[in-house]
Amino acid sequence: MQTSRPVFLELWRIKLPLPGLVSILHRASGVLMVLTIPFAAILLHLAASGQQGFESAAGLLDSWWVGLFLVGLVWSLMHHLLAGIRHLVLDIGVGLDRPVARSTAATVLVAGLVSSLLLLVLGVIS
């Protein structure tokens, strides 16, 4: 069956609206957090195995690349939390109008970044 709809598969040229971007980032942040669970469990096991294991886990956490990954993980958590709340509010029928949806999507993006940076500045993440 042939349709007259255009097929446009160049994903880099598609102009995705801001709420769509927030939705995709919400899913990606969830996947990132789930994929991190085994590494966190291994690190916890290493730290709980004894003094030497604890010192090697602490040494691993002191490296700059792990710190950078933790900053990204905190952003992932904050974005996923805020976007999830936004999706729940949308599910009950609030904020479905296009201008409101755009403004709440922008708020989620900015608030996720600001809260992550605030946690970094306050020293929650070192």
N, C-alpha and C. Protein backbone atom coordinates (compact mmCIF):
# COMPACT_ATOMS: atom_id res chain seq x y z
N MET A 1 0.84 -1.17 0.00
CA MET A 1 0.00 0.00 0.00
C MET A 1 0.88 1.23 0.00
N GLN A 2 0.72 2.07 -0.95
CA GLN A 2 1.51 3.28 -1.10
C GLN A 2 0.74 4.47 -0.50
N THR A 3 1.43 5.23 0.34
CA THR A 3 0.81 6.42 0.91
C THR A 3 1.44 7.65 0.29
N SER A 4 0.73 8.74 0.38
CA SER A 4 1.27 9.99 -0.18
C SER A 4 2.02 10.81 0.87
N ARG A 5 2.16 10.23 2.08
CA ARG A 5 2.89 10.94 3.12
C ARG A 5 4.37 10.97 2.80
N PRO A 6 5.02 12.08 3.09
CA PRO A 6 6.47 12.12 2.87
C PRO A 6 7.19 11.31 3.95
N VAL A 7 8.23 10.63 3.55
CA VAL A 7 9.06 9.89 4.48
C VAL A 7 10.36 10.68 4.64
N PHE A 8 10.63 11.11 5.86
CA PHE A 8 11.78 11.95 6.12
C PHE A 8 12.59 11.30 7.23
N LEU A 9 13.66 10.63 6.88
CA LEU A 9 14.41 9.86 7.87
C LEU A 9 15.76 10.48 8.22
N GLU A 10 16.02 11.68 7.82
CA GLU A 10 17.26 12.35 8.22
C GLU A 10 17.02 12.98 9.58
N LEU A 11 17.37 12.22 10.63
CA LEU A 11 17.02 12.64 11.98
C LEU A 11 17.70 13.94 12.41
N TRP A 12 18.85 14.25 11.85
CA TRP A 12 19.55 15.47 12.25
C TRP A 12 18.90 16.72 11.67
N ARG A 13 18.05 16.55 10.66
CA ARG A 13 17.39 17.71 10.06
C ARG A 13 15.98 17.92 10.59
N ILE A 14 15.47 16.98 11.36
CA ILE A 14 14.13 17.13 11.93
C ILE A 14 14.22 18.13 13.08
N LYS A 15 13.33 19.10 13.05
CA LYS A 15 13.30 20.10 14.12
C LYS A 15 12.36 19.61 15.22
N LEU A 16 12.95 19.01 16.24
CA LEU A 16 12.20 18.45 17.34
C LEU A 16 11.77 19.57 18.28
N PRO A 17 10.49 19.64 18.65
CA PRO A 17 10.07 20.67 19.59
C PRO A 17 10.66 20.42 20.98
N LEU A 18 10.72 21.46 21.78
CA LEU A 18 11.33 21.38 23.10
C LEU A 18 10.68 20.32 23.99
N PRO A 19 9.36 20.20 24.03
CA PRO A 19 8.79 19.12 24.84
C PRO A 19 9.22 17.72 24.37
N GLY A 20 9.43 17.55 23.08
CA GLY A 20 9.93 16.27 22.58
C GLY A 20 11.35 16.00 23.03
N LEU A 21 12.18 17.03 23.05
CA LEU A 21 13.55 16.89 23.53
C LEU A 21 13.57 16.51 25.01
N VAL A 22 12.72 17.17 25.80
CA VAL A 22 12.65 16.85 27.22
C VAL A 22 12.20 15.41 27.42
N SER A 23 11.26 14.95 26.61
CA SER A 23 10.78 13.58 26.71
C SER A 23 11.88 12.58 26.36
N ILE A 24 12.62 12.84 25.32
CA ILE A 24 13.73 11.95 24.93
C ILE A 24 14.82 11.96 26.00
N LEU A 25 15.15 13.13 26.55
CA LEU A 25 16.15 13.19 27.62
C LEU A 25 15.67 12.48 28.88
N HIS A 26 14.36 12.52 29.12
CA HIS A 26 13.79 11.81 30.26
C HIS A 26 14.04 10.31 30.12
N ARG A 27 13.81 9.79 28.94
CA ARG A 27 14.05 8.36 28.70
C ARG A 27 15.54 8.03 28.76
N ALA A 28 16.37 8.87 28.16
CA ALA A 28 17.81 8.62 28.17
C ALA A 28 18.38 8.68 29.58
N SER A 29 17.89 9.62 30.39
CA SER A 29 18.39 9.71 31.77
C SER A 29 17.97 8.48 32.57
N GLY A 30 16.79 7.96 32.32
CA GLY A 30 16.36 6.73 32.99
C GLY A 30 17.23 5.55 32.62
N VAL A 31 17.56 5.44 31.34
CA VAL A 31 18.43 4.35 30.88
C VAL A 31 19.82 4.49 31.51
N LEU A 32 20.34 5.71 31.58
CA LEU A 32 21.66 5.93 32.17
C LEU A 32 21.68 5.50 33.63
N MET A 33 20.63 5.85 34.36
CA MET A 33 20.59 5.48 35.77
C MET A 33 20.47 3.97 35.95
N VAL A 34 19.69 3.30 35.12
CA VAL A 34 19.54 1.85 35.23
C VAL A 34 20.86 1.16 34.88
N LEU A 35 21.56 1.64 33.86
CA LEU A 35 22.83 1.03 33.49
C LEU A 35 23.92 1.25 34.54
N THR A 36 23.74 2.23 35.40
CA THR A 36 24.72 2.53 36.44
C THR A 36 24.56 1.62 37.66
N ILE A 37 23.41 1.00 37.82
CA ILE A 37 23.14 0.18 39.01
C ILE A 37 24.18 -0.94 39.21
N PRO A 38 24.55 -1.71 38.19
CA PRO A 38 25.55 -2.77 38.44
C PRO A 38 26.91 -2.22 38.90
N PHE A 39 27.32 -1.10 38.34
CA PHE A 39 28.60 -0.51 38.74
C PHE A 39 28.55 -0.01 40.18
N ALA A 40 27.42 0.56 40.57
CA ALA A 40 27.26 1.01 41.95
C ALA A 40 27.26 -0.18 42.91
N ALA A 41 26.64 -1.28 42.51
CA ALA A 41 26.62 -2.47 43.35
C ALA A 41 28.01 -3.06 43.50
N ILE A 42 28.77 -3.10 42.42
CA ILE A 42 30.14 -3.61 42.48
C ILE A 42 30.99 -2.71 43.37
N LEU A 43 30.83 -1.41 43.24
CA LEU A 43 31.59 -0.47 44.07
C LEU A 43 31.21 -0.61 45.54
N LEU A 44 29.94 -0.80 45.83
CA LEU A 44 29.50 -1.01 47.21
C LEU A 44 30.07 -2.30 47.77
N HIS A 45 30.06 -3.35 46.97
CA HIS A 45 30.64 -4.62 47.40
C HIS A 45 32.14 -4.48 47.68
N LEU A 46 32.82 -3.77 46.82
CA LEU A 46 34.25 -3.54 47.01
C LEU A 46 34.51 -2.75 48.29
N ALA A 47 33.71 -1.73 48.53
CA ALA A 47 33.91 -0.90 49.71
C ALA A 47 33.58 -1.66 51.00
N ALA A 48 32.63 -2.59 50.93
CA ALA A 48 32.23 -3.33 52.13
C ALA A 48 33.08 -4.57 52.37
N SER A 49 34.00 -4.88 51.47
CA SER A 49 34.78 -6.11 51.59
C SER A 49 35.91 -6.02 52.59
N GLY A 50 36.25 -4.84 53.04
CA GLY A 50 37.33 -4.70 54.01
C GLY A 50 38.04 -3.38 53.83
N GLN A 51 39.07 -3.19 54.64
CA GLN A 51 39.80 -1.92 54.63
C GLN A 51 40.47 -1.67 53.28
N GLN A 52 41.10 -2.68 52.72
CA GLN A 52 41.79 -2.50 51.45
C GLN A 52 40.78 -2.24 50.32
N GLY A 53 39.67 -2.94 50.33
CA GLY A 53 38.63 -2.70 49.33
C GLY A 53 38.03 -1.31 49.46
N PHE A 54 37.85 -0.86 50.69
CA PHE A 54 37.32 0.48 50.91
C PHE A 54 38.28 1.54 50.38
N GLU A 55 39.56 1.35 50.64
CA GLU A 55 40.55 2.32 50.16
C GLU A 55 40.63 2.34 48.64
N SER A 56 40.52 1.18 48.00
CA SER A 56 40.55 1.17 46.53
C SER A 56 39.27 1.78 45.96
N ALA A 57 38.12 1.58 46.61
CA ALA A 57 36.88 2.22 46.16
C ALA A 57 36.96 3.72 46.34
N ALA A 58 37.52 4.16 47.45
CA ALA A 58 37.67 5.59 47.69
C ALA A 58 38.64 6.20 46.69
N GLY A 59 39.71 5.49 46.37
CA GLY A 59 40.66 5.97 45.36
C GLY A 59 40.03 6.07 43.99
N LEU A 60 39.18 5.11 43.68
CA LEU A 60 38.48 5.16 42.39
C LEU A 60 37.53 6.35 42.32
N LEU A 61 36.84 6.62 43.42
CA LEU A 61 35.89 7.75 43.45
C LEU A 61 36.59 9.10 43.44
N ASP A 62 37.89 9.13 43.78
CA ASP A 62 38.62 10.40 43.79
C ASP A 62 39.13 10.80 42.42
N SER A 63 39.03 9.95 41.43
CA SER A 63 39.54 10.30 40.11
C SER A 63 38.62 11.32 39.43
N TRP A 64 39.19 12.11 38.56
CA TRP A 64 38.44 13.21 37.94
C TRP A 64 37.37 12.71 36.99
N TRP A 65 37.62 11.60 36.30
CA TRP A 65 36.64 11.12 35.33
C TRP A 65 35.42 10.52 36.03
N VAL A 66 35.63 9.91 37.21
CA VAL A 66 34.49 9.42 37.97
C VAL A 66 33.69 10.60 38.52
N GLY A 67 34.38 11.65 38.93
CA GLY A 67 33.69 12.86 39.38
C GLY A 67 32.86 13.48 38.28
N LEU A 68 33.41 13.51 37.08
CA LEU A 68 32.65 14.03 35.94
C LEU A 68 31.44 13.16 35.64
N PHE A 69 31.62 11.85 35.73
CA PHE A 69 30.50 10.94 35.52
C PHE A 69 29.43 11.13 36.60
N LEU A 70 29.85 11.36 37.84
CA LEU A 70 28.88 11.58 38.92
C LEU A 70 28.10 12.87 38.73
N VAL A 71 28.75 13.89 38.20
CA VAL A 71 28.03 15.14 37.89
C VAL A 71 26.97 14.85 36.83
N GLY A 72 27.33 14.10 35.80
CA GLY A 72 26.35 13.73 34.78
C GLY A 72 25.24 12.85 35.35
N LEU A 73 25.59 11.99 36.28
CA LEU A 73 24.58 11.13 36.90
C LEU A 73 23.63 11.93 37.78
N VAL A 74 24.14 12.92 38.47
CA VAL A 74 23.26 13.78 39.27
C VAL A 74 22.35 14.59 38.37
N TRP A 75 22.89 15.10 37.24
CA TRP A 75 22.01 15.78 36.29
C TRP A 75 20.94 14.83 35.80
N SER A 76 21.33 13.60 35.51
CA SER A 76 20.38 12.61 35.03
C SER A 76 19.27 12.38 36.06
N LEU A 77 19.64 12.27 37.32
CA LEU A 77 18.65 12.08 38.37
C LEU A 77 17.71 13.28 38.48
N MET A 78 18.27 14.47 38.48
CA MET A 78 17.44 15.67 38.65
C MET A 78 16.53 15.87 37.44
N HIS A 79 17.06 15.67 36.25
CA HIS A 79 16.23 15.83 35.06
C HIS A 79 15.13 14.78 35.03
N HIS A 80 15.47 13.55 35.37
CA HIS A 80 14.48 12.48 35.33
C HIS A 80 13.38 12.73 36.36
N LEU A 81 13.75 13.22 37.53
CA LEU A 81 12.77 13.54 38.56
C LEU A 81 11.83 14.65 38.10
N LEU A 82 12.40 15.74 37.62
CA LEU A 82 11.57 16.89 37.21
C LEU A 82 10.74 16.58 35.98
N ALA A 83 11.31 15.90 35.01
CA ALA A 83 10.54 15.55 33.82
C ALA A 83 9.46 14.52 34.14
N GLY A 84 9.74 13.64 35.09
CA GLY A 84 8.73 12.67 35.50
C GLY A 84 7.55 13.35 36.17
N ILE A 85 7.82 14.34 37.01
CA ILE A 85 6.74 15.12 37.63
C ILE A 85 5.94 15.84 36.56
N ARG A 86 6.65 16.41 35.58
CA ARG A 86 5.97 17.09 34.48
C ARG A 86 5.07 16.13 33.71
N HIS A 87 5.56 14.93 33.44
CA HIS A 87 4.76 13.93 32.72
C HIS A 87 3.54 13.50 33.53
N LEU A 88 3.69 13.38 34.85
CA LEU A 88 2.55 13.03 35.69
C LEU A 88 1.49 14.12 35.67
N VAL A 89 1.93 15.38 35.70
CA VAL A 89 0.98 16.49 35.64
C VAL A 89 0.29 16.52 34.27
N LEU A 90 1.03 16.24 33.21
CA LEU A 90 0.42 16.17 31.89
C LEU A 90 -0.58 15.02 31.80
N ASP A 91 -0.30 13.92 32.49
CA ASP A 91 -1.21 12.78 32.46
C ASP A 91 -2.56 13.07 33.09
N ILE A 92 -2.60 14.01 34.04
CA ILE A 92 -3.89 14.34 34.64
C ILE A 92 -4.58 15.47 33.88
N GLY A 93 -3.99 15.89 32.78
CA GLY A 93 -4.64 16.86 31.90
C GLY A 93 -4.29 18.31 32.13
N VAL A 94 -3.30 18.59 32.93
CA VAL A 94 -2.89 19.97 33.21
C VAL A 94 -1.69 20.31 32.34
N GLY A 95 -1.73 21.44 31.66
CA GLY A 95 -0.59 21.91 30.88
C GLY A 95 -0.48 21.31 29.51
N LEU A 96 -1.59 20.90 28.93
CA LEU A 96 -1.54 20.29 27.60
C LEU A 96 -1.53 21.31 26.47
N ASP A 97 -1.86 22.55 26.76
CA ASP A 97 -1.80 23.58 25.73
C ASP A 97 -0.37 23.78 25.28
N ARG A 98 -0.20 24.08 24.02
CA ARG A 98 1.14 24.15 23.44
C ARG A 98 2.06 25.18 24.13
N PRO A 99 1.61 26.41 24.40
CA PRO A 99 2.52 27.35 25.08
C PRO A 99 2.91 26.91 26.49
N VAL A 100 1.96 26.33 27.22
CA VAL A 100 2.25 25.86 28.57
C VAL A 100 3.22 24.68 28.52
N ALA A 101 3.00 23.77 27.57
CA ALA A 101 3.89 22.62 27.43
C ALA A 101 5.32 23.06 27.11
N ARG A 102 5.44 24.06 26.26
CA ARG A 102 6.79 24.57 25.93
C ARG A 102 7.46 25.21 27.15
N SER A 103 6.69 26.00 27.90
CA SER A 103 7.28 26.67 29.05
C SER A 103 7.65 25.69 30.16
N THR A 104 6.82 24.67 30.38
CA THR A 104 7.18 23.68 31.40
C THR A 104 8.38 22.84 30.95
N ALA A 105 8.50 22.58 29.66
CA ALA A 105 9.67 21.85 29.16
C ALA A 105 10.94 22.67 29.36
N ALA A 106 10.86 23.96 29.07
CA ALA A 106 12.03 24.82 29.28
C ALA A 106 12.37 24.91 30.76
N THR A 107 11.35 24.96 31.61
CA THR A 107 11.57 25.00 33.05
C THR A 107 12.27 23.74 33.53
N VAL A 108 11.86 22.59 33.02
CA VAL A 108 12.49 21.33 33.41
C VAL A 108 13.95 21.31 32.99
N LEU A 109 14.25 21.75 31.79
CA LEU A 109 15.64 21.77 31.33
C LEU A 109 16.52 22.67 32.20
N VAL A 110 16.03 23.88 32.45
CA VAL A 110 16.81 24.84 33.23
C VAL A 110 16.91 24.39 34.69
N ALA A 111 15.80 23.94 35.27
CA ALA A 111 15.82 23.54 36.68
C ALA A 111 16.70 22.31 36.90
N GLY A 112 16.74 21.40 35.94
CA GLY A 112 17.62 20.24 36.07
C GLY A 112 19.08 20.64 36.08
N LEU A 113 19.45 21.55 35.19
CA LEU A 113 20.84 22.02 35.16
C LEU A 113 21.19 22.83 36.40
N VAL A 114 20.29 23.73 36.80
CA VAL A 114 20.56 24.59 37.96
C VAL A 114 20.66 23.76 39.23
N SER A 115 19.76 22.81 39.42
CA SER A 115 19.81 21.99 40.63
C SER A 115 21.06 21.13 40.66
N SER A 116 21.49 20.63 39.53
CA SER A 116 22.72 19.85 39.47
C SER A 116 23.93 20.71 39.82
N LEU A 117 23.99 21.90 39.25
CA LEU A 117 25.10 22.81 39.57
C LEU A 117 25.06 23.26 41.03
N LEU A 118 23.85 23.45 41.55
CA LEU A 118 23.72 23.84 42.96
C LEU A 118 24.23 22.74 43.87
N LEU A 119 23.90 21.49 43.57
CA LEU A 119 24.42 20.38 44.36
C LEU A 119 25.94 20.29 44.25
N LEU A 120 26.48 20.62 43.09
CA LEU A 120 27.93 20.61 42.91
C LEU A 120 28.59 21.70 43.72
N VAL A 121 28.01 22.90 43.69
CA VAL A 121 28.59 24.04 44.42
C VAL A 121 28.48 23.85 45.92
N LEU A 122 27.36 23.28 46.38
CA LEU A 122 27.18 23.05 47.81
C LEU A 122 28.07 21.94 48.36
N GLY A 123 28.70 21.19 47.47
CA GLY A 123 29.63 20.16 47.92
C GLY A 123 28.99 18.81 48.12
N VAL A 124 27.75 18.64 47.69
CA VAL A 124 27.14 17.33 47.80
C VAL A 124 27.88 16.35 46.90
N ILE A 125 28.32 16.85 45.74
CA ILE A 125 29.15 16.06 44.83
C ILE A 125 30.55 16.63 44.91
N SER A 126 31.53 15.78 45.13
CA SER A 126 32.90 16.33 45.19
C SER A 126 33.72 15.85 44.03
